[in-house]
Protein backbone atom coordinates (compact mmCIF):
# COMPACT_ATOMS: atom_id res chain seq x y z
CA MET A 1 -13.42 -34.74 -9.60
CA GLU A 2 -11.25 -35.66 -13.21
CA LYS A 3 -11.41 -31.79 -13.41
CA LEU A 4 -10.12 -31.34 -9.91
CA LEU A 5 -7.15 -33.28 -10.16
CA SER A 6 -6.33 -31.87 -13.72
CA VAL A 7 -6.09 -28.24 -11.96
CA LEU A 8 -4.00 -29.22 -9.20
CA GLY A 9 -1.21 -30.69 -11.08
CA ASN A 10 1.95 -31.74 -9.40
CA PRO A 11 1.26 -30.47 -5.51
CA GLY A 12 4.61 -30.07 -4.52
CA GLU A 13 5.02 -26.80 -7.29
CA GLY A 14 4.08 -23.93 -5.40
CA ASP A 15 2.12 -22.67 -3.00
CA VAL A 16 -1.13 -25.24 -2.74
CA ARG A 17 -3.15 -22.64 -1.60
CA GLY A 18 -3.52 -20.49 -4.87
CA GLN A 19 -3.51 -24.58 -6.40
CA VAL A 20 -6.65 -25.67 -4.08
CA LEU A 21 -7.58 -22.25 -4.89
CA THR A 22 -7.83 -22.39 -8.42
CA ALA A 23 -9.36 -25.87 -8.56
CA VAL A 24 -12.31 -25.23 -6.52
CA THR A 25 -13.39 -21.75 -8.08
CA GLN A 26 -13.46 -23.35 -11.59
CA VAL A 27 -14.98 -26.82 -10.42
CA VAL A 28 -17.70 -25.45 -7.77
CA GLY A 29 -17.44 -21.36 -8.45
CA GLY A 30 -18.43 -18.45 -6.63
CA ASP A 31 -18.19 -14.44 -6.85
CA ILE A 32 -15.55 -14.61 -4.14
CA VAL A 33 -13.96 -17.74 -3.16
CA ALA A 34 -10.99 -17.60 -1.00
CA TYR A 35 -8.62 -19.70 1.74
CA GLN A 36 -7.88 -17.94 4.68
CA THR A 37 -6.16 -19.26 7.67
CA ILE A 38 -7.75 -17.80 10.85
CA ASP A 39 -7.46 -17.82 14.68
CA GLN A 40 -10.44 -19.07 16.38
CA ALA A 41 -9.56 -16.98 19.63
CA ASN A 42 -9.32 -13.62 18.32
CA GLY A 43 -10.79 -13.46 14.32
CA ARG A 44 -6.81 -12.87 13.11
CA SER A 45 -6.74 -13.98 9.44
CA GLU A 46 -5.01 -13.93 5.98
CA GLN A 47 -6.53 -15.11 2.99
CA VAL A 48 -6.32 -15.28 -0.86
CA SER A 49 -9.10 -14.88 -3.00
CA VAL A 50 -10.37 -14.90 -6.39
CA PRO A 51 -10.94 -11.93 -7.10
CA ASP A 52 -8.89 -10.65 -5.20
CA SER A 53 -9.65 -6.63 -6.38
CA TRP A 54 -12.10 -5.68 -2.60
CA VAL A 55 -9.41 -6.65 -0.42
CA THR A 56 -8.23 -3.68 1.30
CA ARG A 57 -6.96 -3.22 5.22
CA GLU A 58 -10.47 -1.25 5.79
CA TYR A 59 -12.51 -4.45 5.15
CA GLU A 60 -9.78 -7.11 6.54
CA GLU A 61 -10.24 -4.75 9.88
CA ILE A 62 -14.26 -5.38 9.22
CA PHE A 63 -13.92 -9.04 9.47
CA VAL A 64 -12.16 -9.05 12.45
CA GLN A 65 -14.19 -7.27 14.06
CA HIS A 66 -17.03 -8.75 13.74
CA VAL A 67 -16.15 -12.23 12.95
CA PRO A 68 -16.63 -13.84 16.78
CA LYS A 69 -20.51 -13.01 16.03
CA HIS A 70 -20.25 -15.01 11.97
CA PRO A 71 -22.90 -17.37 12.36
CA LEU A 72 -20.86 -20.11 10.88
CA PHE A 73 -17.67 -19.20 12.94
CA ARG A 74 -20.04 -19.32 16.29
CA HIS A 75 -21.23 -22.76 14.66
CA TYR A 76 -17.69 -24.13 14.26
CA LEU A 77 -16.62 -23.15 17.73
CA ARG A 78 -20.04 -25.07 19.33
CA THR A 79 -19.60 -28.22 17.30
CA GLY A 80 -16.00 -28.24 16.46
CA GLU A 81 -16.90 -29.66 12.79
CA LEU A 82 -17.45 -27.22 9.60
CA ASP A 83 -17.58 -29.70 6.58
CA ALA A 84 -19.09 -27.77 3.87
CA THR A 85 -21.38 -25.99 5.79
CA ARG A 86 -23.67 -23.51 4.10
CA LEU A 87 -24.86 -20.31 5.95
CA SER A 88 -28.44 -21.00 4.97
CA ASP A 89 -27.97 -24.08 7.23
CA VAL A 90 -27.04 -22.11 10.65
CA ALA A 91 -29.03 -18.74 10.11
CA THR A 92 -31.78 -17.83 8.71
CA VAL A 93 -31.94 -14.18 5.87
CA ARG A 94 -33.58 -12.04 8.62
CA GLN A 95 -30.92 -13.69 10.96
CA LEU A 96 -27.97 -12.62 8.47
CA ARG A 97 -29.50 -8.98 7.63
CA GLY A 98 -29.54 -8.27 11.39
CA LEU A 99 -25.71 -8.38 11.47
CA GLY A 100 -22.81 -5.74 11.69
CA ILE A 101 -21.09 -8.18 9.14
CA TYR A 102 -23.43 -8.54 6.96
CA GLN A 103 -23.95 -4.58 6.87
CA ASP A 104 -20.59 -3.43 7.00
CA PHE A 105 -19.17 -6.72 4.82
CA TYR A 106 -21.29 -8.88 3.02
CA ARG A 107 -23.73 -6.32 1.43
CA PRO A 108 -21.36 -3.70 0.66
CA LEU A 109 -19.42 -6.45 -1.06
CA GLY A 110 -23.18 -7.87 -2.95
CA ILE A 111 -22.86 -10.82 -1.25
CA GLY A 112 -26.11 -13.16 0.27
CA TYR A 113 -25.41 -16.58 0.18
CA GLN A 114 -21.94 -18.56 1.65
CA MET A 115 -20.08 -21.85 2.17
CA ILE A 116 -17.88 -22.63 4.39
CA CYS A 117 -15.32 -25.80 4.37
CA ARG A 118 -12.28 -26.32 7.07
CA LEU A 119 -9.45 -28.06 5.36
CA ARG A 120 -7.24 -28.31 8.68
CA GLY A 121 -6.27 -26.64 11.82
CA GLU A 122 -3.46 -26.71 14.01
CA LEU A 123 -2.52 -24.72 16.86
CA GLY A 124 -5.97 -23.37 17.27
CA VAL A 125 -5.85 -22.14 13.82
CA SER A 126 -7.76 -23.22 10.79
CA ASP A 127 -7.22 -23.21 7.24
CA ILE A 128 -10.62 -23.73 5.30
CA LEU A 129 -12.23 -22.71 1.61
CA VAL A 130 -15.14 -20.03 1.75
CA PHE A 131 -17.70 -19.64 -1.07
CA ASN A 132 -19.07 -16.46 -1.59
CA ARG A 133 -22.34 -15.53 -4.03
CA GLY A 134 -24.62 -12.89 -4.76
CA GLY A 135 -27.18 -14.65 -6.56
CA THR A 136 -28.59 -17.59 -5.59
CA ASP A 137 -27.48 -20.30 -2.65
CA PHE A 138 -25.06 -23.44 -3.53
CA THR A 139 -26.81 -26.07 -3.93
CA ASP A 140 -27.37 -29.73 -1.95
CA THR A 141 -24.90 -31.05 -5.16
CA GLU A 142 -22.24 -28.52 -4.92
CA GLN A 143 -22.28 -28.52 -1.24
CA GLN A 144 -21.87 -32.64 -1.38
CA PHE A 145 -19.10 -32.12 -4.05
CA VAL A 146 -16.81 -30.12 -1.31
CA ARG A 147 -17.87 -32.89 1.34
CA MET A 148 -16.29 -35.70 -0.87
CA THR A 149 -13.62 -33.94 -2.15
CA ARG A 150 -12.71 -32.57 1.23
CA PRO A 151 -10.40 -35.12 2.41
CA PHE A 152 -8.26 -35.03 -0.49
CA LEU A 153 -7.89 -31.66 -0.63
CA ALA A 154 -7.65 -31.81 2.95
CA ASN A 155 -4.69 -34.35 2.67
CA LEU A 156 -2.84 -32.04 -0.06
CA VAL A 157 -2.62 -29.18 2.50
CA ASP A 158 -1.05 -31.30 5.21
CA THR A 159 1.63 -32.76 2.80
CA ALA A 160 2.13 -29.12 1.69
CA ALA A 161 2.36 -28.09 4.62
CA ALA A 162 5.09 -30.71 6.06
CA THR A 163 7.20 -30.53 3.24
CA SER A 164 7.45 -26.85 3.53
CA TRP A 165 7.70 -27.20 7.54
CA PHE A 166 10.73 -29.65 6.55
CA ASP A 167 12.36 -27.44 3.99
CA THR A 168 12.24 -24.29 6.21
CA ALA A 169 14.10 -26.37 9.36
CA LEU A 170 16.73 -27.32 6.59
CA ALA A 171 17.35 -23.40 5.32
CA ALA A 172 17.41 -22.66 9.14
CA LEU A 173 19.32 -25.08 9.88
CA GLU A 174 21.46 -24.28 7.07
CA GLY A 175 22.93 -20.94 9.41
CA ILE A 176 24.05 -22.83 12.07
CA ASP A 177 27.94 -23.24 13.06
CA ASP A 178 27.37 -23.22 17.11
CA THR A 179 25.68 -25.53 19.52
CA ALA A 180 24.32 -21.66 21.32
CA TYR A 181 21.74 -21.15 18.45
CA GLY A 182 18.44 -21.18 18.73
CA VAL A 183 16.02 -21.94 16.13
CA VAL A 184 12.04 -21.48 16.45
CA LEU A 185 10.02 -22.98 13.42
CA LEU A 186 6.73 -20.67 13.18
CA GLY A 187 3.32 -21.84 12.36
CA PRO A 188 0.79 -20.43 10.87
CA LEU A 189 -0.04 -16.65 11.71
CA GLY A 190 3.30 -16.28 13.58
CA LYS A 191 2.33 -19.19 16.46
CA ILE A 192 5.47 -20.78 17.99
CA ARG A 193 5.34 -24.29 16.14
CA VAL A 194 8.66 -25.67 17.64
CA THR A 195 11.37 -24.59 19.19
CA ASN A 196 15.18 -26.03 20.09
CA ARG A 197 16.92 -25.76 23.87
CA SER A 198 18.63 -22.31 23.20
CA ALA A 199 15.71 -20.85 21.74
CA ARG A 200 13.86 -21.22 24.78
CA LEU A 201 16.11 -20.49 27.26
CA LEU A 202 16.73 -17.06 25.28
CA LEU A 203 13.06 -16.09 24.68
CA THR A 204 13.05 -16.68 28.22
CA ALA A 205 16.29 -14.27 28.48
CA TYR A 206 15.29 -11.35 26.71
CA PHE A 207 11.55 -11.42 26.62
CA ARG A 208 8.82 -10.57 29.99
CA ARG A 209 6.23 -13.15 28.29
CA PRO A 210 8.85 -15.38 26.04
CA GLY A 211 5.52 -17.92 25.13
CA LYS A 212 6.02 -21.32 24.14
CA GLU A 213 5.33 -24.31 21.56
CA GLY A 214 1.43 -23.71 20.55
CA ASP A 215 1.60 -20.00 21.52
CA VAL A 216 2.38 -17.20 20.04
CA LEU A 217 6.02 -14.65 19.62
CA PRO A 218 6.36 -12.19 22.88
CA GLU A 219 5.01 -9.43 21.41
CA GLU A 220 8.20 -7.54 20.07
CA LEU A 221 8.78 -10.50 18.07
CA ALA A 222 5.47 -10.35 16.68
CA ALA A 223 5.71 -6.63 16.27
CA TRP A 224 8.97 -7.14 14.24
CA LEU A 225 8.60 -10.41 12.16
CA ALA A 226 4.79 -8.24 10.85
CA ALA A 227 6.74 -5.16 9.63
CA GLN A 228 8.98 -7.52 7.70
CA GLY A 229 9.20 -7.37 3.88
CA HIS A 230 10.98 -8.96 1.13
CA THR A 231 14.10 -8.12 2.71
CA PRO A 232 14.16 -8.82 6.53
CA GLN A 233 16.23 -7.02 8.60
CA PRO A 234 17.49 -8.60 11.98
CA TYR A 235 16.15 -8.28 15.37
CA THR A 236 18.20 -6.90 17.93
CA ALA A 237 17.74 -6.54 21.82
CA ALA A 238 20.24 -5.72 24.52
CA ARG A 239 20.21 -7.20 28.60
CA GLY A 240 23.46 -5.72 29.97
CA ALA A 241 26.57 -6.74 28.59
CA ARG A 242 24.29 -9.30 26.42
CA ARG A 243 22.90 -8.82 23.28
CA LEU A 244 20.39 -10.85 20.63
CA THR A 245 20.02 -11.04 17.29
CA VAL A 246 16.95 -12.82 15.81
CA ARG A 247 17.02 -13.55 11.77
CA LEU A 248 14.28 -14.20 9.63
CA PHE A 249 14.24 -17.48 7.14
CA ARG A 250 11.12 -17.64 4.99
CA HIS A 251 9.90 -20.94 2.83
CA HIS A 252 6.64 -19.90 0.75
CA ALA A 253 3.75 -19.63 3.47
CA SER A 254 6.68 -21.11 6.59
CA ALA A 255 9.12 -19.30 8.56
CA ALA A 256 11.76 -19.96 11.02
CA LEU A 257 13.92 -18.18 13.38
CA LEU A 258 17.16 -18.18 13.78
CA LEU A 259 18.91 -16.71 17.42
CA SER A 260 22.27 -15.65 18.16
CA GLU A 261 23.81 -14.28 21.67
CA SER A 262 27.10 -11.45 21.71
CA THR A 263 27.87 -12.05 25.06
CA ALA A 264 30.08 -8.66 25.65
CA THR A 265 29.66 -5.31 24.02
CA VAL A 266 31.90 -3.16 22.95
CA PRO A 267 33.07 -0.68 25.88
CA ALA A 268 31.25 2.27 25.95
CA VAL A 269 34.69 4.89 25.73
CA ARG A 270 35.29 3.63 22.81
CA THR A 271 32.15 2.84 20.98
CA GLY A 272 32.47 6.45 19.17
CA VAL A 273 35.37 5.40 17.08
CA LEU A 274 33.51 2.32 14.72
CA THR A 275 30.20 1.91 13.22
CA ALA A 276 27.51 -0.37 14.94
CA ARG A 277 28.30 -2.89 12.25
CA GLU A 278 31.98 -2.41 11.73
CA GLN A 279 32.03 -3.29 15.90
CA ASP A 280 29.82 -6.23 15.17
CA VAL A 281 32.38 -7.65 12.27
CA LEU A 282 35.45 -6.75 14.62
CA TRP A 283 34.03 -8.65 17.71
CA LEU A 284 33.32 -11.79 15.95
CA VAL A 285 36.91 -12.22 14.22
CA THR A 286 38.58 -11.28 17.33
CA HIS A 287 36.23 -14.44 18.78
CA GLY A 288 37.57 -17.06 16.26
CA ARG A 289 35.00 -16.88 13.50
CA THR A 290 36.93 -16.26 9.95
CA SER A 291 35.62 -13.88 7.36
CA ALA A 292 33.37 -16.39 5.74
CA GLN A 293 31.85 -17.05 8.65
CA ALA A 294 31.16 -13.39 10.27
CA ALA A 295 29.58 -12.63 6.45
CA HIS A 296 27.25 -15.56 6.62
CA VAL A 297 26.57 -14.14 10.60
CA LEU A 298 25.91 -10.93 9.31
CA GLY A 299 23.91 -11.39 6.10
CA ILE A 300 27.16 -9.91 3.96
CA SER A 301 29.58 -10.80 1.90
CA THR A 302 33.15 -11.75 2.94
CA ARG A 303 33.71 -9.21 0.65
CA THR A 304 32.04 -6.72 2.32
CA VAL A 305 33.12 -8.22 5.81
CA GLU A 306 37.04 -7.69 4.31
CA LYS A 307 35.91 -3.92 3.15
CA HIS A 308 34.84 -3.62 6.67
CA LEU A 309 38.32 -4.55 8.37
CA GLU A 310 40.24 -2.40 6.06
CA ASN A 311 38.09 0.54 7.73
CA ILE A 312 38.97 0.12 11.20
CA TYR A 313 42.32 -0.92 10.80
CA ASN A 314 42.11 2.85 9.01
CA LYS A 315 40.42 4.53 12.12
CA LEU A 316 42.48 2.68 14.58
CA GLY A 317 45.53 2.82 13.03
CA VAL A 318 46.26 -0.70 13.22
CA THR A 319 47.88 -3.63 10.33
CA ASN A 320 46.18 -6.89 11.61
CA ARG A 321 43.23 -8.09 13.87
CA ALA A 322 44.77 -8.40 16.91
CA GLU A 323 45.98 -5.13 16.89
CA ALA A 324 42.32 -3.65 16.57
CA ALA A 325 40.87 -6.07 19.00
CA THR A 326 43.79 -4.69 21.67
CA GLU A 327 42.38 -1.27 21.08
CA ILE A 328 38.59 -1.98 20.88
CA PHE A 329 38.24 -4.69 23.76
CA GLY A 330 41.78 -4.29 25.46
CA LYS A 331 42.66 -8.11 24.62
């Protein structure tokens, strides 16, 4: 236990998944050890593993395809408990080797023995530790050790998750300067954890299946979220004269969405004069936003906003915001 604690160090620093994985790998060991987050309803998962050289899209697709018939997965669904259970505790060698997940996934990786321990679960998603070996099975002593340390590890993960959610909420709230903004805090695998009133209204207005707390995001938003890289791009959707903009805020493994709506659009007769970004800038600054506020909403610098305004004035042959608004918006 002392070795485990020394490896974990300060649980508030960095990604707790990596810390837990490093600790249990050094203490218990295995050919492949993974910290996996899995949706019990459909088998969708994401993971951090040591080593991670085997992780490919092909193997991930094979795992998702076969996991509903995994003996330990079925055991958990049946009993609701997965406290350091070995694969050999619930299936014989013959039963395992007759499964597609063994032939297509474990056998190519040289895995013959497995032990899984569930650390936490929420919104139908579980965080689990997965120990894999090819040579010999896990001993009773190793199984008992994982069972004894499970409450400590689970508490560590819960604490880190709560801290991460709090920091994510703060990151999103710092961007709010209007009560009409909607906030969606996301749970594991992009599930909806918390929404405010404005977010519920906006999701209902723009999506056929808006989702609710504990549910998945609307399909359009889920696809957009999955495609975001290190520099997220806003999602936009239009409904008549209204336009929704969704921005992503990340904090380690957590994320939040900030939703805002424009209640009018530039008349079609003038849309060819300005670029889409110039239209956004002009709309914001002529409806009460300062250059700094417009920059914050659009995710650009104040200097860039001022440069857009210069371009707008030159294109329209005007000298100030009021004149530009009259030209474009008729006001």
